[in-house]
Amino acid sequence: MVINFGNSDRAIDPEFKPLQFYLVGTREEVHATINQLHVLRFSDRIRWGVPVPVPGSDWQYVSIMQRDRASQLD
């Protein structure tokens, strides 16, 4: 997979489904990574779901974000 924040040099196929991204870790790690991805202009913080506990784990949390392949912050 290639993440490119510049201008696209090819058309995006409208048949593609949005990509889903999952962050799994401690609550603090998940929040820190969401903040880092925002600084890198990969995704806005508000696009991520609230971190929720992973069933069966006493320390893992998961947050999910969905975005189109061509999305980027303006």
PDB file of N, CA and C in Angstrom:
ATOM      1  N   MET A   1       0.847  -1.175   0.000  1.00  0.00           N
ATOM      2  CA  MET A   1       0.000   0.000   0.000  1.00  0.00           C
ATOM      3  C   MET A   1       0.887   1.232   0.000  1.00  0.00           C
ATOM      4  N   VAL A   2       0.509   2.221  -0.763  1.00  0.00           N
ATOM      5  CA  VAL A   2       1.236   3.479  -0.843  1.00  0.00           C
ATOM      6  C   VAL A   2       0.333   4.595  -0.344  1.00  0.00           C
ATOM      7  N   ILE A   3       0.851   5.422   0.547  1.00  0.00           N
ATOM      8  CA  ILE A   3       0.120   6.593   1.022  1.00  0.00           C
ATOM      9  C   ILE A   3       0.768   7.796   0.376  1.00  0.00           C
ATOM     10  N   ASN A   4       0.007   8.505  -0.443  1.00  0.00           N
ATOM     11  CA  ASN A   4       0.518   9.650  -1.172  1.00  0.00           C
ATOM     12  C   ASN A   4      -0.357  10.849  -0.862  1.00  0.00           C
ATOM     13  N   PHE A   5       0.242  11.910  -0.349  1.00  0.00           N
ATOM     14  CA  PHE A   5      -0.514  13.095   0.015  1.00  0.00           C
ATOM     15  C   PHE A   5      -0.443  14.179  -1.062  1.00  0.00           C
ATOM     16  N   GLY A   6       0.233  13.885  -2.160  1.00  0.00           N
ATOM     17  CA  GLY A   6       0.343  14.844  -3.246  1.00  0.00           C
ATOM     18  C   GLY A   6      -0.806  14.680  -4.222  1.00  0.00           C
ATOM     19  N   ASN A   7      -0.682  15.320  -5.360  1.00  0.00           N
ATOM     20  CA  ASN A   7      -1.708  15.195  -6.395  1.00  0.00           C
ATOM     21  C   ASN A   7      -1.684  13.798  -6.981  1.00  0.00           C
ATOM     22  N   SER A   8      -2.856  13.271  -7.221  1.00  0.00           N
ATOM     23  CA  SER A   8      -2.956  11.930  -7.790  1.00  0.00           C
ATOM     24  C   SER A   8      -2.641  11.989  -9.277  1.00  0.00           C
ATOM     25  N   ASP A   9      -1.915  10.993  -9.774  1.00  0.00           N
ATOM     26  CA  ASP A   9      -1.585  10.969 -11.195  1.00  0.00           C
ATOM     27  C   ASP A   9      -2.466   9.996 -11.968  1.00  0.00           C
ATOM     28  N   ARG A  10      -3.476   9.447 -11.297  1.00  0.00           N
ATOM     29  CA  ARG A  10      -4.394   8.558 -11.989  1.00  0.00           C
ATOM     30  C   ARG A  10      -5.787   8.721 -11.399  1.00  0.00           C
ATOM     31  N   ALA A  11      -6.782   8.385 -12.184  1.00  0.00           N
ATOM     32  CA  ALA A  11      -8.170   8.502 -11.740  1.00  0.00           C
ATOM     33  C   ALA A  11      -8.471   7.413 -10.709  1.00  0.00           C
ATOM     34  N   ILE A  12      -9.312   7.740  -9.747  1.00  0.00           N
ATOM     35  CA  ILE A  12      -9.741   6.779  -8.743  1.00  0.00           C
ATOM     36  C   ILE A  12     -10.992   6.082  -9.258  1.00  0.00           C
ATOM     37  N   ASP A  13     -10.965   4.773  -9.268  1.00  0.00           N
ATOM     38  CA  ASP A  13     -12.094   3.978  -9.740  1.00  0.00           C
ATOM     39  C   ASP A  13     -13.266   4.144  -8.776  1.00  0.00           C
ATOM     40  N   PRO A  14     -14.440   4.594  -9.253  1.00  0.00           N
ATOM     41  CA  PRO A  14     -15.593   4.793  -8.362  1.00  0.00           C
ATOM     42  C   PRO A  14     -16.115   3.489  -7.767  1.00  0.00           C
ATOM     43  N   GLU A  15     -15.679   2.348  -8.273  1.00  0.00           N
ATOM     44  CA  GLU A  15     -16.109   1.051  -7.748  1.00  0.00           C
ATOM     45  C   GLU A  15     -15.400   0.691  -6.444  1.00  0.00           C
ATOM     46  N   PHE A  16     -14.280   1.355  -6.133  1.00  0.00           N
ATOM     47  CA  PHE A  16     -13.550   1.043  -4.912  1.00  0.00           C
ATOM     48  C   PHE A  16     -14.385   1.388  -3.686  1.00  0.00           C
ATOM     49  N   LYS A  17     -14.334   0.540  -2.726  1.00  0.00           N
ATOM     50  CA  LYS A  17     -14.997   0.783  -1.443  1.00  0.00           C
ATOM     51  C   LYS A  17     -14.039   1.565  -0.549  1.00  0.00           C
ATOM     52  N   PRO A  18     -14.580   2.286   0.436  1.00  0.00           N
ATOM     53  CA  PRO A  18     -13.711   3.031   1.348  1.00  0.00           C
ATOM     54  C   PRO A  18     -12.780   2.091   2.112  1.00  0.00           C
ATOM     55  N   LEU A  19     -11.622   2.608   2.488  1.00  0.00           N
ATOM     56  CA  LEU A  19     -10.680   1.860   3.309  1.00  0.00           C
ATOM     57  C   LEU A  19     -11.059   2.007   4.777  1.00  0.00           C
ATOM     58  N   GLN A  20     -10.831   0.969   5.553  1.00  0.00           N
ATOM     59  CA  GLN A  20     -11.064   1.026   6.991  1.00  0.00           C
ATOM     60  C   GLN A  20      -9.727   0.841   7.692  1.00  0.00           C
ATOM     61  N   PHE A  21      -9.490   1.671   8.696  1.00  0.00           N
ATOM     62  CA  PHE A  21      -8.258   1.638   9.469  1.00  0.00           C
ATOM     63  C   PHE A  21      -8.604   1.352  10.921  1.00  0.00           C
ATOM     64  N   TYR A  22      -7.843   0.458  11.526  1.00  0.00           N
ATOM     65  CA  TYR A  22      -8.050   0.066  12.912  1.00  0.00           C
ATOM     66  C   TYR A  22      -6.787   0.368  13.706  1.00  0.00           C
ATOM     67  N   LEU A  23      -6.951   0.982  14.852  1.00  0.00           N
ATOM     68  CA  LEU A  23      -5.847   1.181  15.786  1.00  0.00           C
ATOM     69  C   LEU A  23      -6.142   0.344  17.016  1.00  0.00           C
ATOM     70  N   VAL A  24      -5.187  -0.474  17.425  1.00  0.00           N
ATOM     71  CA  VAL A  24      -5.351  -1.314  18.605  1.00  0.00           C
ATOM     72  C   VAL A  24      -4.146  -1.095  19.509  1.00  0.00           C
ATOM     73  N   GLY A  25      -4.403  -0.837  20.763  1.00  0.00           N
ATOM     74  CA  GLY A  25      -3.336  -0.638  21.741  1.00  0.00           C
ATOM     75  C   GLY A  25      -3.937  -0.127  23.031  1.00  0.00           C
ATOM     76  N   THR A  26      -3.093   0.402  23.894  1.00  0.00           N
ATOM     77  CA  THR A  26      -3.626   1.016  25.107  1.00  0.00           C
ATOM     78  C   THR A  26      -4.415   2.263  24.698  1.00  0.00           C
ATOM     79  N   ARG A  27      -5.256   2.726  25.584  1.00  0.00           N
ATOM     80  CA  ARG A  27      -6.046   3.927  25.276  1.00  0.00           C
ATOM     81  C   ARG A  27      -5.124   5.100  24.954  1.00  0.00           C
ATOM     82  N   GLU A  28      -4.046   5.237  25.706  1.00  0.00           N
ATOM     83  CA  GLU A  28      -3.107   6.336  25.489  1.00  0.00           C
ATOM     84  C   GLU A  28      -2.407   6.214  24.133  1.00  0.00           C
ATOM     85  N   GLU A  29      -2.005   4.993  23.765  1.00  0.00           N
ATOM     86  CA  GLU A  29      -1.354   4.784  22.463  1.00  0.00           C
ATOM     87  C   GLU A  29      -2.298   5.098  21.312  1.00  0.00           C
ATOM     88  N   VAL A  30      -3.546   4.688  21.437  1.00  0.00           N
ATOM     89  CA  VAL A  30      -4.531   4.949  20.381  1.00  0.00           C
ATOM     90  C   VAL A  30      -4.739   6.453  20.219  1.00  0.00           C
ATOM     91  N   HIS A  31      -4.930   7.168  21.332  1.00  0.00           N
ATOM     92  CA  HIS A  31      -5.104   8.629  21.258  1.00  0.00           C
ATOM     93  C   HIS A  31      -3.860   9.302  20.674  1.00  0.00           C
ATOM     94  N   ALA A  32      -2.669   8.873  21.087  1.00  0.00           N
ATOM     95  CA  ALA A  32      -1.436   9.478  20.589  1.00  0.00           C
ATOM     96  C   ALA A  32      -1.284   9.244  19.085  1.00  0.00           C
ATOM     97  N   THR A  33      -1.635   8.056  18.615  1.00  0.00           N
ATOM     98  CA  THR A  33      -1.517   7.758  17.184  1.00  0.00           C
ATOM     99  C   THR A  33      -2.519   8.554  16.377  1.00  0.00           C
ATOM    100  N   ILE A  34      -3.736   8.704  16.879  1.00  0.00           N
ATOM    101  CA  ILE A  34      -4.732   9.541  16.193  1.00  0.00           C
ATOM    102  C   ILE A  34      -4.196  10.968  16.065  1.00  0.00           C
ATOM    103  N   ASN A  35      -3.594  11.490  17.119  1.00  0.00           N
ATOM    104  CA  ASN A  35      -3.018  12.841  17.068  1.00  0.00           C
ATOM    105  C   ASN A  35      -1.868  12.920  16.061  1.00  0.00           C
ATOM    106  N   GLN A  36      -1.017  11.896  16.013  1.00  0.00           N
ATOM    107  CA  GLN A  36       0.096  11.890  15.065  1.00  0.00           C
ATOM    108  C   GLN A  36      -0.416  11.840  13.622  1.00  0.00           C
ATOM    109  N   LEU A  37      -1.429  11.031  13.363  1.00  0.00           N
ATOM    110  CA  LEU A  37      -1.986  10.942  12.007  1.00  0.00           C
ATOM    111  C   LEU A  37      -2.646  12.252  11.591  1.00  0.00           C
ATOM    112  N   HIS A  38      -3.185  12.977  12.562  1.00  0.00           N
ATOM    113  CA  HIS A  38      -3.749  14.298  12.256  1.00  0.00           C
ATOM    114  C   HIS A  38      -2.642  15.280  11.877  1.00  0.00           C
ATOM    115  N   VAL A  39      -1.550  15.284  12.627  1.00  0.00           N
ATOM    116  CA  VAL A  39      -0.421  16.174  12.337  1.00  0.00           C
ATOM    117  C   VAL A  39       0.159  15.868  10.954  1.00  0.00           C
ATOM    118  N   LEU A  40       0.188  14.589  10.583  1.00  0.00           N
ATOM    119  CA  LEU A  40       0.691  14.179   9.269  1.00  0.00           C
ATOM    120  C   LEU A  40      -0.316  14.413   8.138  1.00  0.00           C
ATOM    121  N   ARG A  41      -1.491  14.955   8.491  1.00  0.00           N
ATOM    122  CA  ARG A  41      -2.570  15.244   7.541  1.00  0.00           C
ATOM    123  C   ARG A  41      -3.107  13.973   6.871  1.00  0.00           C
ATOM    124  N   PHE A  42      -3.028  12.861   7.587  1.00  0.00           N
ATOM    125  CA  PHE A  42      -3.573  11.600   7.093  1.00  0.00           C
ATOM    126  C   PHE A  42      -5.071  11.523   7.352  1.00  0.00           C
ATOM    127  N   SER A  43      -5.483  11.991   8.529  1.00  0.00           N
ATOM    128  CA  SER A  43      -6.910  11.974   8.867  1.00  0.00           C
ATOM    129  C   SER A  43      -7.190  12.975   9.972  1.00  0.00           C
ATOM    130  N   ASP A  44      -8.391  13.516   9.954  1.00  0.00           N
ATOM    131  CA  ASP A  44      -8.803  14.432  11.007  1.00  0.00           C
ATOM    132  C   ASP A  44      -9.175  13.622  12.243  1.00  0.00           C
ATOM    133  N   ARG A  45      -8.929  14.173  13.403  1.00  0.00           N
ATOM    134  CA  ARG A  45      -9.219  13.455  14.657  1.00  0.00           C
ATOM    135  C   ARG A  45     -10.683  13.042  14.759  1.00  0.00           C
ATOM    136  N   ILE A  46     -11.566  13.892  14.293  1.00  0.00           N
ATOM    137  CA  ILE A  46     -13.001  13.646  14.444  1.00  0.00           C
ATOM    138  C   ILE A  46     -13.489  12.451  13.623  1.00  0.00           C
ATOM    139  N   ARG A  47     -12.716  12.010  12.638  1.00  0.00           N
ATOM    140  CA  ARG A  47     -13.111  10.870  11.805  1.00  0.00           C
ATOM    141  C   ARG A  47     -12.961   9.532  12.526  1.00  0.00           C
ATOM    142  N   TRP A  48     -12.161   9.496  13.598  1.00  0.00           N
ATOM    143  CA  TRP A  48     -11.921   8.259  14.344  1.00  0.00           C
ATOM    144  C   TRP A  48     -13.024   8.026  15.358  1.00  0.00           C
ATOM    145  N   GLY A  49     -13.376   6.773  15.541  1.00  0.00           N
ATOM    146  CA  GLY A  49     -14.342   6.413  16.575  1.00  0.00           C
ATOM    147  C   GLY A  49     -13.710   6.526  17.954  1.00  0.00           C
ATOM    148  N   VAL A  50     -14.557   6.646  18.950  1.00  0.00           N
ATOM    149  CA  VAL A  50     -14.087   6.682  20.334  1.00  0.00           C
ATOM    150  C   VAL A  50     -13.447   5.325  20.649  1.00  0.00           C
ATOM    151  N   PRO A  51     -12.238   5.313  21.214  1.00  0.00           N
ATOM    152  CA  PRO A  51     -11.613   4.027  21.552  1.00  0.00           C
ATOM    153  C   PRO A  51     -12.492   3.238  22.530  1.00  0.00           C
ATOM    154  N   VAL A  52     -12.727   1.984  22.189  1.00  0.00           N
ATOM    155  CA  VAL A  52     -13.550   1.117  23.037  1.00  0.00           C
ATOM    156  C   VAL A  52     -12.711  -0.086  23.467  1.00  0.00           C
ATOM    157  N   PRO A  53     -12.997  -0.621  24.665  1.00  0.00           N
ATOM    158  CA  PRO A  53     -12.237  -1.780  25.142  1.00  0.00           C
ATOM    159  C   PRO A  53     -12.438  -2.994  24.236  1.00  0.00           C
ATOM    160  N   VAL A  54     -11.375  -3.769  24.050  1.00  0.00           N
ATOM    161  CA  VAL A  54     -11.450  -5.020  23.294  1.00  0.00           C
ATOM    162  C   VAL A  54     -11.964  -6.093  24.252  1.00  0.00           C
ATOM    163  N   PRO A  55     -13.045  -6.783  23.883  1.00  0.00           N
ATOM    164  CA  PRO A  55     -13.564  -7.834  24.775  1.00  0.00           C
ATOM    165  C   PRO A  55     -12.496  -8.883  25.076  1.00  0.00           C
ATOM    166  N   GLY A  56     -12.405  -9.280  26.333  1.00  0.00           N
ATOM    167  CA  GLY A  56     -11.446 -10.289  26.747  1.00  0.00           C
ATOM    168  C   GLY A  56     -10.068  -9.746  27.082  1.00  0.00           C
ATOM    169  N   SER A  57      -9.871  -8.441  26.924  1.00  0.00           N
ATOM    170  CA  SER A  57      -8.578  -7.832  27.245  1.00  0.00           C
ATOM    171  C   SER A  57      -8.786  -6.791  28.336  1.00  0.00           C
ATOM    172  N   ASP A  58      -7.837  -6.703  29.244  1.00  0.00           N
ATOM    173  CA  ASP A  58      -7.962  -5.691  30.300  1.00  0.00           C
ATOM    174  C   ASP A  58      -7.152  -4.432  30.003  1.00  0.00           C
ATOM    175  N   TRP A  59      -6.521  -4.364  28.798  1.00  0.00           N
ATOM    176  CA  TRP A  59      -5.725  -3.172  28.483  1.00  0.00           C
ATOM    177  C   TRP A  59      -5.861  -2.695  27.042  1.00  0.00           C
ATOM    178  N   GLN A  60      -6.382  -3.524  26.141  1.00  0.00           N
ATOM    179  CA  GLN A  60      -6.452  -3.135  24.728  1.00  0.00           C
ATOM    180  C   GLN A  60      -7.734  -2.364  24.409  1.00  0.00           C
ATOM    181  N   TYR A  61      -7.538  -1.341  23.549  1.00  0.00           N
ATOM    182  CA  TYR A  61      -8.652  -0.544  23.038  1.00  0.00           C
ATOM    183  C   TYR A  61      -8.538  -0.511  21.522  1.00  0.00           C
ATOM    184  N   VAL A  62      -9.670  -0.314  20.857  1.00  0.00           N
ATOM    185  CA  VAL A  62      -9.678  -0.233  19.401  1.00  0.00           C
ATOM    186  C   VAL A  62     -10.453   1.017  18.980  1.00  0.00           C
ATOM    187  N   SER A  63      -9.967   1.666  17.932  1.00  0.00           N
ATOM    188  CA  SER A  63     -10.648   2.795  17.312  1.00  0.00           C
ATOM    189  C   SER A  63     -10.630   2.554  15.806  1.00  0.00           C
ATOM    190  N   ILE A  64     -11.722   2.898  15.150  1.00  0.00           N
ATOM    191  CA  ILE A  64     -11.874   2.627  13.722  1.00  0.00           C
ATOM    192  C   ILE A  64     -12.121   3.932  12.977  1.00  0.00           C
ATOM    193  N   MET A  65     -11.519   4.019  11.774  1.00  0.00           N
ATOM    194  CA  MET A  65     -11.751   5.162  10.898  1.00  0.00           C
ATOM    195  C   MET A  65     -11.941   4.637   9.488  1.00  0.00           C
ATOM    196  N   GLN A  66     -12.871   5.241   8.781  1.00  0.00           N
ATOM    197  CA  GLN A  66     -13.127   4.871   7.389  1.00  0.00           C
ATOM    198  C   GLN A  66     -12.937   6.104   6.529  1.00  0.00           C
ATOM    199  N   ARG A  67     -12.270   5.936   5.388  1.00  0.00           N
ATOM    200  CA  ARG A  67     -12.096   7.074   4.484  1.00  0.00           C
ATOM    201  C   ARG A  67     -11.962   6.585   3.057  1.00  0.00           C
ATOM    202  N   ASP A  68     -12.294   7.461   2.139  1.00  0.00           N
ATOM    203  CA  ASP A  68     -12.127   7.159   0.727  1.00  0.00           C
ATOM    204  C   ASP A  68     -10.648   7.123   0.405  1.00  0.00           C
ATOM    205  N   ARG A  69     -10.294   6.407  -0.626  1.00  0.00           N
ATOM    206  CA  ARG A  69      -8.893   6.281  -1.009  1.00  0.00           C
ATOM    207  C   ARG A  69      -8.274   7.635  -1.382  1.00  0.00           C
ATOM    208  N   ALA A  70      -9.073   8.543  -1.900  1.00  0.00           N
ATOM    209  CA  ALA A  70      -8.534   9.833  -2.360  1.00  0.00           C
ATOM    210  C   ALA A  70      -8.660  10.930  -1.308  1.00  0.00           C
ATOM    211  N   SER A  71      -9.203  10.619  -0.128  1.00  0.00           N
ATOM    212  CA  SER A  71      -9.429  11.653   0.899  1.00  0.00           C
ATOM    213  C   SER A  71      -8.130  12.153   1.483  1.00  0.00           C
ATOM    214  N   GLN A  72      -8.126  13.434   1.778  1.00  0.00           N
ATOM    215  CA  GLN A  72      -7.049  14.045   2.538  1.00  0.00           C
ATOM    216  C   GLN A  72      -7.581  15.332   3.114  1.00  0.00           C
ATOM    217  N   LEU A  73      -6.928  15.862   4.127  1.00  0.00           N
ATOM    218  CA  LEU A  73      -7.358  17.120   4.716  1.00  0.00           C
ATOM    219  C   LEU A  73      -7.076  18.256   3.760  1.00  0.00           C
ATOM    220  N   ASP A  74      -7.954  19.218   3.730  1.00  0.00           N
ATOM    221  CA  ASP A  74      -7.744  20.399   2.880  1.00  0.00           C
ATOM    222  C   ASP A  74      -6.995  21.470   3.611  1.00  0.00           C
TER     223      ASP A  74
END
